[in-house]
Amino acid sequence: MNVNLARKSLARNIARNPTTIVIQRGVMEKEDGAGGSIKVPNILPSQTVRIFISSLDHKQTAKEGGQIQVQRWGMVATHEADIQKGDTFSVNSRKFRVRGITETSTAGQLIGFQVDLEEVI
């Protein structure tokens, strides 16, 4: 498959239901002006991605005998995205953490990222 065609196809997929996110990547230390330092969140520029429910699992609980429903979340992003495992962000009052990232490629060139998310309460 043509790399440019694959990247355009991914961009169209994201454009069908885009979400803009602002990632927080850990903390960094800044000088406080008095010879010390303070920790501040490392905030990245906004990125447009597509977030979706990747599956719904029903799990039995052993003691109560009931069922709980667990939503698995996923995300796709273009090859230009800056996403790393452990990054966090919020969307519609839900907070997510990046659990894992899989690079997609064609002919050895990066097309985009498939990201496994977990909802953080």
N, C-alpha and C. Protein backbone atom coordinates (compact mmCIF):
# COMPACT_ATOMS: atom_id res chain seq x y z
N MET A 1 0.84 -1.18 0.00
CA MET A 1 0.00 0.00 0.00
C MET A 1 0.88 1.24 0.00
N ASN A 2 0.45 2.26 -0.67
CA ASN A 2 1.14 3.53 -0.74
C ASN A 2 1.11 4.21 0.63
N VAL A 3 2.24 4.71 1.11
CA VAL A 3 2.35 5.33 2.43
C VAL A 3 1.46 6.56 2.53
N ASN A 4 1.50 7.43 1.53
CA ASN A 4 0.68 8.64 1.56
C ASN A 4 -0.81 8.30 1.57
N LEU A 5 -1.21 7.30 0.81
CA LEU A 5 -2.60 6.87 0.78
C LEU A 5 -3.03 6.33 2.15
N ALA A 6 -2.16 5.54 2.77
CA ALA A 6 -2.47 4.99 4.09
C ALA A 6 -2.59 6.10 5.13
N ARG A 7 -1.74 7.09 5.09
CA ARG A 7 -1.81 8.21 6.03
C ARG A 7 -3.07 9.03 5.81
N LYS A 8 -3.46 9.24 4.55
CA LYS A 8 -4.70 9.97 4.26
C LYS A 8 -5.92 9.18 4.74
N SER A 9 -5.88 7.88 4.58
CA SER A 9 -6.98 7.04 5.04
C SER A 9 -7.12 7.13 6.57
N LEU A 10 -6.02 7.11 7.29
CA LEU A 10 -6.06 7.25 8.73
C LEU A 10 -6.58 8.63 9.13
N ALA A 11 -6.15 9.67 8.45
CA ALA A 11 -6.61 11.03 8.74
C ALA A 11 -8.13 11.14 8.51
N ARG A 12 -8.65 10.49 7.46
CA ARG A 12 -10.11 10.49 7.21
C ARG A 12 -10.84 9.76 8.33
N ASN A 13 -10.28 8.65 8.79
CA ASN A 13 -10.87 7.90 9.88
C ASN A 13 -10.96 8.76 11.14
N ILE A 14 -9.90 9.46 11.46
CA ILE A 14 -9.89 10.34 12.64
C ILE A 14 -10.90 11.47 12.46
N ALA A 15 -10.99 12.02 11.25
CA ALA A 15 -11.89 13.15 10.98
C ALA A 15 -13.37 12.77 11.11
N ARG A 16 -13.70 11.50 11.06
CA ARG A 16 -15.10 11.08 11.22
C ARG A 16 -15.63 11.34 12.62
N ASN A 17 -14.76 11.29 13.61
CA ASN A 17 -15.15 11.56 15.00
C ASN A 17 -13.93 12.07 15.77
N PRO A 18 -13.46 13.27 15.46
CA PRO A 18 -12.23 13.77 16.06
C PRO A 18 -12.42 14.24 17.50
N THR A 19 -11.35 14.12 18.26
CA THR A 19 -11.30 14.64 19.62
C THR A 19 -9.96 15.34 19.79
N THR A 20 -9.99 16.52 20.35
CA THR A 20 -8.75 17.25 20.63
C THR A 20 -8.36 16.97 22.07
N ILE A 21 -7.12 16.53 22.26
CA ILE A 21 -6.64 16.23 23.60
C ILE A 21 -5.40 17.06 23.90
N VAL A 22 -5.19 17.30 25.19
CA VAL A 22 -3.98 17.97 25.67
C VAL A 22 -3.35 17.01 26.67
N ILE A 23 -2.20 16.48 26.31
CA ILE A 23 -1.53 15.46 27.11
C ILE A 23 -0.67 16.08 28.20
N GLN A 24 -0.75 15.46 29.39
CA GLN A 24 0.16 15.80 30.47
C GLN A 24 1.14 14.65 30.60
N ARG A 25 2.40 14.97 30.47
CA ARG A 25 3.45 13.96 30.52
C ARG A 25 4.33 14.20 31.74
N GLY A 26 3.96 13.60 32.84
CA GLY A 26 4.76 13.71 34.06
C GLY A 26 4.91 15.13 34.54
N VAL A 27 5.98 15.37 35.24
CA VAL A 27 6.28 16.70 35.78
C VAL A 27 7.71 17.08 35.44
N MET A 28 7.96 18.37 35.44
CA MET A 28 9.32 18.86 35.24
C MET A 28 9.62 19.88 36.33
N GLU A 29 10.89 20.05 36.62
CA GLU A 29 11.29 20.99 37.65
C GLU A 29 11.69 22.31 37.03
N LYS A 30 11.18 23.40 37.63
CA LYS A 30 11.52 24.75 37.19
C LYS A 30 12.11 25.50 38.37
N GLU A 31 13.00 26.43 38.08
CA GLU A 31 13.57 27.25 39.14
C GLU A 31 12.48 28.14 39.73
N ASP A 32 12.51 28.29 41.05
CA ASP A 32 11.49 29.12 41.70
C ASP A 32 11.93 30.55 41.93
N GLY A 33 13.14 30.90 41.51
CA GLY A 33 13.65 32.26 41.64
C GLY A 33 14.32 32.53 42.98
N ALA A 34 14.28 31.56 43.88
CA ALA A 34 14.89 31.75 45.20
C ALA A 34 15.97 30.70 45.44
N GLY A 35 16.51 30.13 44.37
CA GLY A 35 17.56 29.15 44.50
C GLY A 35 17.07 27.71 44.58
N GLY A 36 15.78 27.53 44.57
CA GLY A 36 15.21 26.18 44.63
C GLY A 36 14.49 25.84 43.34
N SER A 37 13.65 24.83 43.43
CA SER A 37 12.87 24.45 42.25
C SER A 37 11.48 24.00 42.68
N ILE A 38 10.56 24.07 41.73
CA ILE A 38 9.19 23.60 41.95
C ILE A 38 8.84 22.63 40.84
N LYS A 39 7.94 21.72 41.14
CA LYS A 39 7.49 20.75 40.13
C LYS A 39 6.22 21.26 39.49
N VAL A 40 6.20 21.27 38.16
CA VAL A 40 5.02 21.69 37.40
C VAL A 40 4.71 20.62 36.36
N PRO A 41 3.42 20.46 36.00
CA PRO A 41 3.08 19.46 34.99
C PRO A 41 3.67 19.84 33.63
N ASN A 42 4.12 18.83 32.90
CA ASN A 42 4.64 19.02 31.54
C ASN A 42 3.46 18.86 30.59
N ILE A 43 2.93 19.97 30.08
CA ILE A 43 1.76 19.97 29.21
C ILE A 43 2.22 20.09 27.75
N LEU A 44 1.76 19.15 26.90
CA LEU A 44 2.11 19.16 25.47
C LEU A 44 1.08 19.95 24.68
N PRO A 45 1.43 20.38 23.46
CA PRO A 45 0.44 21.05 22.60
C PRO A 45 -0.72 20.11 22.28
N SER A 46 -1.88 20.69 21.97
CA SER A 46 -3.07 19.88 21.67
C SER A 46 -2.86 19.04 20.41
N GLN A 47 -3.54 17.88 20.38
CA GLN A 47 -3.45 16.94 19.27
C GLN A 47 -4.86 16.45 18.95
N THR A 48 -5.12 16.17 17.69
CA THR A 48 -6.41 15.64 17.28
C THR A 48 -6.28 14.14 17.04
N VAL A 49 -7.14 13.38 17.72
CA VAL A 49 -7.12 11.92 17.67
C VAL A 49 -8.56 11.42 17.56
N ARG A 50 -8.71 10.11 17.50
CA ARG A 50 -10.04 9.50 17.56
C ARG A 50 -10.04 8.50 18.71
N ILE A 51 -10.98 8.70 19.64
CA ILE A 51 -11.12 7.82 20.80
C ILE A 51 -12.38 6.99 20.62
N PHE A 52 -12.31 5.72 21.01
CA PHE A 52 -13.46 4.83 20.83
C PHE A 52 -13.45 3.75 21.90
N ILE A 53 -14.62 3.14 22.11
CA ILE A 53 -14.70 1.99 23.00
C ILE A 53 -14.27 0.79 22.18
N SER A 54 -13.22 0.12 22.63
CA SER A 54 -12.69 -0.99 21.84
C SER A 54 -13.38 -2.31 22.17
N SER A 55 -13.94 -2.44 23.38
CA SER A 55 -14.72 -3.63 23.71
C SER A 55 -15.47 -3.42 25.01
N LEU A 56 -16.48 -4.23 25.21
CA LEU A 56 -17.22 -4.26 26.47
C LEU A 56 -17.12 -5.67 27.01
N ASP A 57 -16.59 -5.81 28.20
CA ASP A 57 -16.44 -7.12 28.83
C ASP A 57 -17.41 -7.24 30.00
N HIS A 58 -17.99 -8.40 30.16
CA HIS A 58 -18.81 -8.68 31.33
C HIS A 58 -18.01 -9.63 32.21
N LYS A 59 -17.84 -9.25 33.46
CA LYS A 59 -17.05 -10.07 34.36
C LYS A 59 -17.91 -10.49 35.55
N GLN A 60 -17.78 -11.74 35.94
CA GLN A 60 -18.46 -12.24 37.12
C GLN A 60 -17.64 -11.87 38.35
N THR A 61 -18.31 -11.48 39.41
CA THR A 61 -17.61 -11.27 40.67
C THR A 61 -17.84 -12.50 41.53
N ALA A 62 -16.81 -12.93 42.23
CA ALA A 62 -16.87 -14.19 42.97
C ALA A 62 -17.76 -14.12 44.20
N LYS A 63 -17.67 -13.08 45.01
CA LYS A 63 -18.39 -13.03 46.28
C LYS A 63 -19.83 -12.56 46.14
N GLU A 64 -20.07 -11.59 45.33
CA GLU A 64 -21.40 -11.00 45.21
C GLU A 64 -22.28 -11.75 44.23
N GLY A 65 -21.70 -12.45 43.29
CA GLY A 65 -22.47 -13.21 42.32
C GLY A 65 -23.07 -12.36 41.21
N GLY A 66 -22.70 -11.10 41.14
CA GLY A 66 -23.23 -10.22 40.11
C GLY A 66 -22.25 -10.08 38.96
N GLN A 67 -22.60 -9.19 38.06
CA GLN A 67 -21.73 -8.91 36.92
C GLN A 67 -21.37 -7.44 36.92
N ILE A 68 -20.19 -7.15 36.43
CA ILE A 68 -19.79 -5.78 36.18
C ILE A 68 -19.42 -5.66 34.71
N GLN A 69 -19.60 -4.48 34.18
CA GLN A 69 -19.26 -4.25 32.78
C GLN A 69 -18.02 -3.38 32.73
N VAL A 70 -17.02 -3.82 32.00
CA VAL A 70 -15.76 -3.10 31.88
C VAL A 70 -15.62 -2.61 30.44
N GLN A 71 -15.44 -1.31 30.30
CA GLN A 71 -15.24 -0.74 28.97
C GLN A 71 -13.74 -0.64 28.70
N ARG A 72 -13.32 -1.11 27.56
CA ARG A 72 -11.94 -0.95 27.11
C ARG A 72 -11.94 0.18 26.09
N TRP A 73 -11.03 1.11 26.24
CA TRP A 73 -10.94 2.27 25.36
C TRP A 73 -9.71 2.17 24.47
N GLY A 74 -9.85 2.69 23.26
CA GLY A 74 -8.75 2.74 22.33
C GLY A 74 -8.67 4.12 21.69
N MET A 75 -7.59 4.36 20.98
CA MET A 75 -7.40 5.65 20.33
C MET A 75 -6.51 5.43 19.11
N VAL A 76 -6.77 6.17 18.05
CA VAL A 76 -5.87 6.17 16.90
C VAL A 76 -5.36 7.60 16.70
N ALA A 77 -4.12 7.70 16.25
CA ALA A 77 -3.47 8.99 16.04
C ALA A 77 -2.58 8.91 14.82
N THR A 78 -2.32 10.05 14.21
CA THR A 78 -1.48 10.10 13.01
C THR A 78 -0.02 9.89 13.38
N HIS A 79 0.81 9.76 12.36
CA HIS A 79 2.24 9.54 12.55
C HIS A 79 2.93 10.75 13.19
N GLU A 80 2.28 11.91 13.18
CA GLU A 80 2.86 13.12 13.75
C GLU A 80 2.55 13.29 15.23
N ALA A 81 1.74 12.40 15.79
CA ALA A 81 1.33 12.52 17.19
C ALA A 81 2.51 12.30 18.14
N ASP A 82 2.44 12.97 19.28
CA ASP A 82 3.45 12.82 20.33
C ASP A 82 2.76 12.16 21.51
N ILE A 83 2.82 10.83 21.56
CA ILE A 83 2.14 10.05 22.59
C ILE A 83 3.11 9.01 23.14
N GLN A 84 3.14 8.87 24.46
CA GLN A 84 3.99 7.89 25.10
C GLN A 84 3.22 7.14 26.17
N LYS A 85 3.66 5.94 26.47
CA LYS A 85 3.05 5.15 27.53
C LYS A 85 3.16 5.93 28.84
N GLY A 86 2.05 5.97 29.58
CA GLY A 86 2.02 6.69 30.85
C GLY A 86 1.45 8.10 30.75
N ASP A 87 1.32 8.64 29.53
CA ASP A 87 0.72 9.97 29.35
C ASP A 87 -0.71 9.96 29.86
N THR A 88 -1.19 11.11 30.34
CA THR A 88 -2.58 11.24 30.78
C THR A 88 -3.23 12.44 30.10
N PHE A 89 -4.56 12.37 29.98
CA PHE A 89 -5.34 13.48 29.43
C PHE A 89 -6.79 13.31 29.84
N SER A 90 -7.57 14.37 29.70
CA SER A 90 -9.00 14.33 30.04
C SER A 90 -9.83 14.68 28.82
N VAL A 91 -10.99 13.99 28.72
CA VAL A 91 -11.95 14.24 27.65
C VAL A 91 -13.34 14.11 28.25
N ASN A 92 -14.16 15.14 28.13
CA ASN A 92 -15.55 15.11 28.63
C ASN A 92 -15.62 14.60 30.07
N SER A 93 -14.86 15.16 30.93
CA SER A 93 -14.79 14.82 32.36
C SER A 93 -14.33 13.39 32.65
N ARG A 94 -13.76 12.71 31.67
CA ARG A 94 -13.15 11.39 31.88
C ARG A 94 -11.64 11.56 31.75
N LYS A 95 -10.91 10.93 32.66
CA LYS A 95 -9.45 11.00 32.62
C LYS A 95 -8.91 9.67 32.13
N PHE A 96 -7.97 9.73 31.18
CA PHE A 96 -7.39 8.53 30.59
C PHE A 96 -5.88 8.49 30.79
N ARG A 97 -5.35 7.27 30.83
CA ARG A 97 -3.90 7.03 30.86
C ARG A 97 -3.56 6.10 29.70
N VAL A 98 -2.47 6.37 29.03
CA VAL A 98 -2.01 5.52 27.92
C VAL A 98 -1.38 4.26 28.50
N ARG A 99 -1.97 3.10 28.18
CA ARG A 99 -1.46 1.81 28.67
C ARG A 99 -0.42 1.21 27.73
N GLY A 100 -0.64 1.39 26.43
CA GLY A 100 0.27 0.81 25.46
C GLY A 100 0.09 1.45 24.10
N ILE A 101 1.11 1.36 23.28
CA ILE A 101 1.08 1.97 21.95
C ILE A 101 1.61 0.95 20.94
N THR A 102 0.90 0.84 19.83
CA THR A 102 1.36 0.01 18.72
C THR A 102 1.52 0.90 17.50
N GLU A 103 2.71 0.89 16.93
CA GLU A 103 2.94 1.66 15.70
C GLU A 103 2.42 0.87 14.52
N THR A 104 1.76 1.55 13.59
CA THR A 104 1.36 0.92 12.34
C THR A 104 2.25 1.46 11.23
N SER A 105 2.65 0.58 10.34
CA SER A 105 3.56 1.02 9.28
C SER A 105 3.26 0.29 7.98
N THR A 106 3.70 0.89 6.90
CA THR A 106 3.61 0.32 5.57
C THR A 106 4.95 0.56 4.89
N ALA A 107 5.50 -0.48 4.30
CA ALA A 107 6.78 -0.39 3.60
C ALA A 107 7.86 0.21 4.50
N GLY A 108 7.79 -0.10 5.80
CA GLY A 108 8.80 0.37 6.74
C GLY A 108 8.65 1.81 7.17
N GLN A 109 7.56 2.49 6.76
CA GLN A 109 7.35 3.88 7.15
C GLN A 109 6.15 3.96 8.09
N LEU A 110 6.28 4.80 9.11
CA LEU A 110 5.24 4.96 10.11
C LEU A 110 3.98 5.58 9.52
N ILE A 111 2.84 4.95 9.78
CA ILE A 111 1.55 5.46 9.32
C ILE A 111 0.82 6.17 10.47
N GLY A 112 0.81 5.55 11.64
CA GLY A 112 0.12 6.12 12.79
C GLY A 112 0.28 5.25 14.01
N PHE A 113 -0.55 5.52 15.01
CA PHE A 113 -0.47 4.81 16.28
C PHE A 113 -1.84 4.26 16.66
N GLN A 114 -1.86 3.04 17.19
CA GLN A 114 -3.03 2.47 17.82
C GLN A 114 -2.70 2.42 19.29
N VAL A 115 -3.56 3.04 20.10
CA VAL A 115 -3.25 3.25 21.50
C VAL A 115 -4.29 2.56 22.38
N ASP A 116 -3.82 1.86 23.39
CA ASP A 116 -4.68 1.23 24.39
C ASP A 116 -4.77 2.17 25.59
N LEU A 117 -6.00 2.53 25.97
CA LEU A 117 -6.21 3.49 27.06
C LEU A 117 -6.87 2.81 28.25
N GLU A 118 -6.66 3.39 29.42
CA GLU A 118 -7.41 2.98 30.59
C GLU A 118 -8.02 4.23 31.20
N GLU A 119 -9.27 4.11 31.64
CA GLU A 119 -9.93 5.21 32.29
C GLU A 119 -9.47 5.26 33.74
N VAL A 120 -9.05 6.43 34.18
CA VAL A 120 -8.53 6.61 35.53
C VAL A 120 -9.60 7.34 36.35
N ILE A 121 -9.90 6.78 37.51
CA ILE A 121 -10.93 7.39 38.34
C ILE A 121 -10.28 8.18 39.45
